[in-house]
Structures are given as C-alpha cells and as structure tokens.
C-alpha cells in the first residue's frame, strides 16, 4: 500500500517505511523512527512563568538529555533531545502553574501542551 502524507505523525502511525521527497527527488528513506532521529531529534519547549523557583530550573537542567535552559524575563526555553519532552513537562508541571508550548518542527512557537 502507498500512503501520501505531509504529516509525520500519520506516517509514524501507519507506515513501516517512509520516503521523503522534495521536488520529485528522494531526500531520505527509512523507518519513521530513524528519520525522526536523523532529522528531528532536538526538542524546544517554552514555558511562561513570571518568577520560576531557582530549584525548579536546576532540576530541569539536571534531566538527562537537556542541553540548555535559558530564561528571558518570564519565558523559559529548554532545548535538548526529543525524549526530554515528557520529563521536562512532568517536572515543570509537578510544582508550578505552567503554560508550555508543544514543540513542532513545522510550527514555530508550537501549540499549547494539553497535558499540563
């Protein structure tokens, strides 16, 4: 069966093998998880919190896979491997009122995280 889609979530759920094409040329091919690892392994999570506790920022910094935690005013940005998303969201939301934005490679700024 052949499926044509622009949505990687759909391809991951329905396909064993994916071929990525641009302008009629094959860019890459492989299992969906392999393509995601090669081309979208970085996650960016943004939180808004006027005065985050220093201990919470330190806790997030120590999570395995977190590469950077940056603060600019009330906005906190966490960058790291995509596997950190659930761990960061859980750590942050466990002790605070949060408004994370979900990472999306195609939509800068993301969409609101419904899990918090």
Protein backbone atom coordinates (compact mmCIF):
# COMPACT_ATOMS: atom_id res chain seq x y z
CA UNK A 1 0.00 0.00 0.00
CA UNK A 2 1.17 3.54 -0.74
CA UNK A 3 0.27 6.47 1.50
CA UNK A 4 0.98 10.08 0.58
CA UNK A 5 1.01 12.48 3.53
CA UNK A 6 2.60 15.69 4.76
CA UNK A 7 2.14 14.66 8.41
CA UNK A 8 4.95 12.72 10.08
CA UNK A 9 2.63 11.70 12.95
CA UNK A 10 0.38 9.99 10.43
CA UNK A 11 3.34 8.31 8.70
CA UNK A 12 4.72 7.08 12.04
CA UNK A 13 1.37 5.55 12.98
CA UNK A 14 0.63 3.89 9.65
CA UNK A 15 3.93 3.09 7.91
CA UNK A 16 6.91 0.77 8.38
CA UNK A 17 8.99 2.68 5.83
CA UNK A 18 8.89 6.31 4.72
CA UNK A 19 10.38 8.01 1.68
CA UNK A 20 10.85 11.77 1.98
CA UNK A 21 10.71 13.63 -1.33
CA UNK A 22 11.22 17.23 -2.39
CA UNK A 23 10.62 18.49 -5.91
CA UNK A 24 10.44 14.91 -7.23
CA UNK A 25 13.75 13.82 -5.67
CA UNK A 26 14.24 11.37 -2.82
CA UNK A 27 15.78 13.20 0.14
CA UNK A 28 15.88 10.27 2.60
CA UNK A 29 14.21 6.94 3.32
CA UNK A 30 13.86 4.56 6.23
CA UNK A 31 11.80 3.61 9.25
CA UNK A 32 9.86 6.59 10.67
CA UNK A 33 11.77 6.46 13.97
CA UNK A 34 15.10 6.50 12.13
CA UNK A 35 14.08 9.54 10.07
CA UNK A 36 12.90 11.40 13.16
CA UNK A 37 16.19 10.62 14.94
CA UNK A 38 18.24 11.85 11.97
CA UNK A 39 16.25 14.97 11.16
CA UNK A 40 14.21 15.99 14.21
CA UNK A 41 16.00 14.80 17.32
CA UNK A 42 16.00 18.21 19.02
CA UNK A 43 13.05 19.45 21.05
CA UNK A 44 12.42 23.03 22.15
CA UNK A 45 9.95 23.56 24.99
CA UNK A 46 8.90 27.04 26.11
CA UNK A 47 7.28 27.91 29.43
CA UNK A 48 5.91 31.17 30.70
CA UNK A 49 6.30 31.84 34.41
CA UNK A 50 6.92 35.27 35.94
CA UNK A 51 9.19 34.12 38.76
CA UNK A 52 10.30 30.48 38.45
CA UNK A 53 11.94 28.97 41.54
CA UNK A 54 15.70 28.51 41.06
CA UNK A 55 15.43 24.92 42.35
CA UNK A 56 12.95 24.09 39.58
CA UNK A 57 15.28 25.47 36.90
CA UNK A 58 18.16 23.44 38.40
CA UNK A 59 16.01 20.29 38.47
CA UNK A 60 15.18 20.70 34.78
CA UNK A 61 18.86 21.39 33.91
CA UNK A 62 19.85 18.08 35.54
CA UNK A 63 17.43 15.98 33.48
CA UNK A 64 19.19 13.56 31.13
CA UNK A 65 19.06 14.89 27.57
CA UNK A 66 18.61 18.57 28.47
CA UNK A 67 21.25 20.66 26.70
CA UNK A 68 20.19 24.18 27.64
CA UNK A 69 17.80 26.03 29.94
CA UNK A 70 17.55 29.74 29.14
CA UNK A 71 15.46 32.42 30.82
CA UNK A 72 14.41 35.75 29.34
CA UNK A 73 12.01 37.57 31.59
CA UNK A 74 9.03 35.30 32.22
CA UNK A 75 9.90 32.97 29.33
CA UNK A 76 11.94 29.83 29.93
CA UNK A 77 13.25 27.84 26.95
CA UNK A 78 14.51 24.27 27.32
CA UNK A 79 16.46 22.62 24.49
CA UNK A 80 17.56 19.02 24.28
CA UNK A 81 16.91 15.59 22.83
CA UNK A 82 13.27 14.97 21.88
CA UNK A 83 12.96 12.28 24.56
CA UNK A 84 13.07 15.05 27.22
CA UNK A 85 9.63 16.45 26.39
CA UNK A 86 7.58 14.30 28.78
CA UNK A 87 10.19 14.51 31.55
CA UNK A 88 10.51 18.30 31.35
CA UNK A 89 6.75 18.78 31.18
CA UNK A 90 6.24 16.48 34.19
CA UNK A 91 9.00 18.12 36.27
CA UNK A 92 7.78 21.61 35.45
CA UNK A 93 4.09 21.00 35.92
CA UNK A 94 4.50 19.00 39.12
CA UNK A 95 5.40 22.09 41.12
CA UNK A 96 4.08 25.08 39.21
CA UNK A 97 1.34 26.63 37.16
CA UNK A 98 2.69 26.35 33.68
CA UNK A 99 1.89 27.17 30.09
CA UNK A 100 4.27 25.10 27.98
CA UNK A 101 4.13 25.21 24.20
CA UNK A 102 4.49 21.91 22.42
CA UNK A 103 7.49 21.60 20.10
CA UNK A 104 6.72 21.45 16.41
CA UNK A 105 9.33 21.49 13.65
CA UNK A 106 6.78 22.95 11.22
CA UNK A 107 5.10 25.48 13.51
CA UNK A 108 7.50 27.82 15.32
CA UNK A 109 6.12 28.56 18.75
CA UNK A 110 4.20 25.30 18.82
CA UNK A 111 0.73 24.69 20.15
CA UNK A 112 -0.39 24.60 23.81
CA UNK A 113 0.51 21.42 25.71
CA UNK A 114 -2.75 19.82 26.83
CA UNK A 115 -1.05 17.61 29.42
CA UNK A 116 -0.36 20.36 31.97
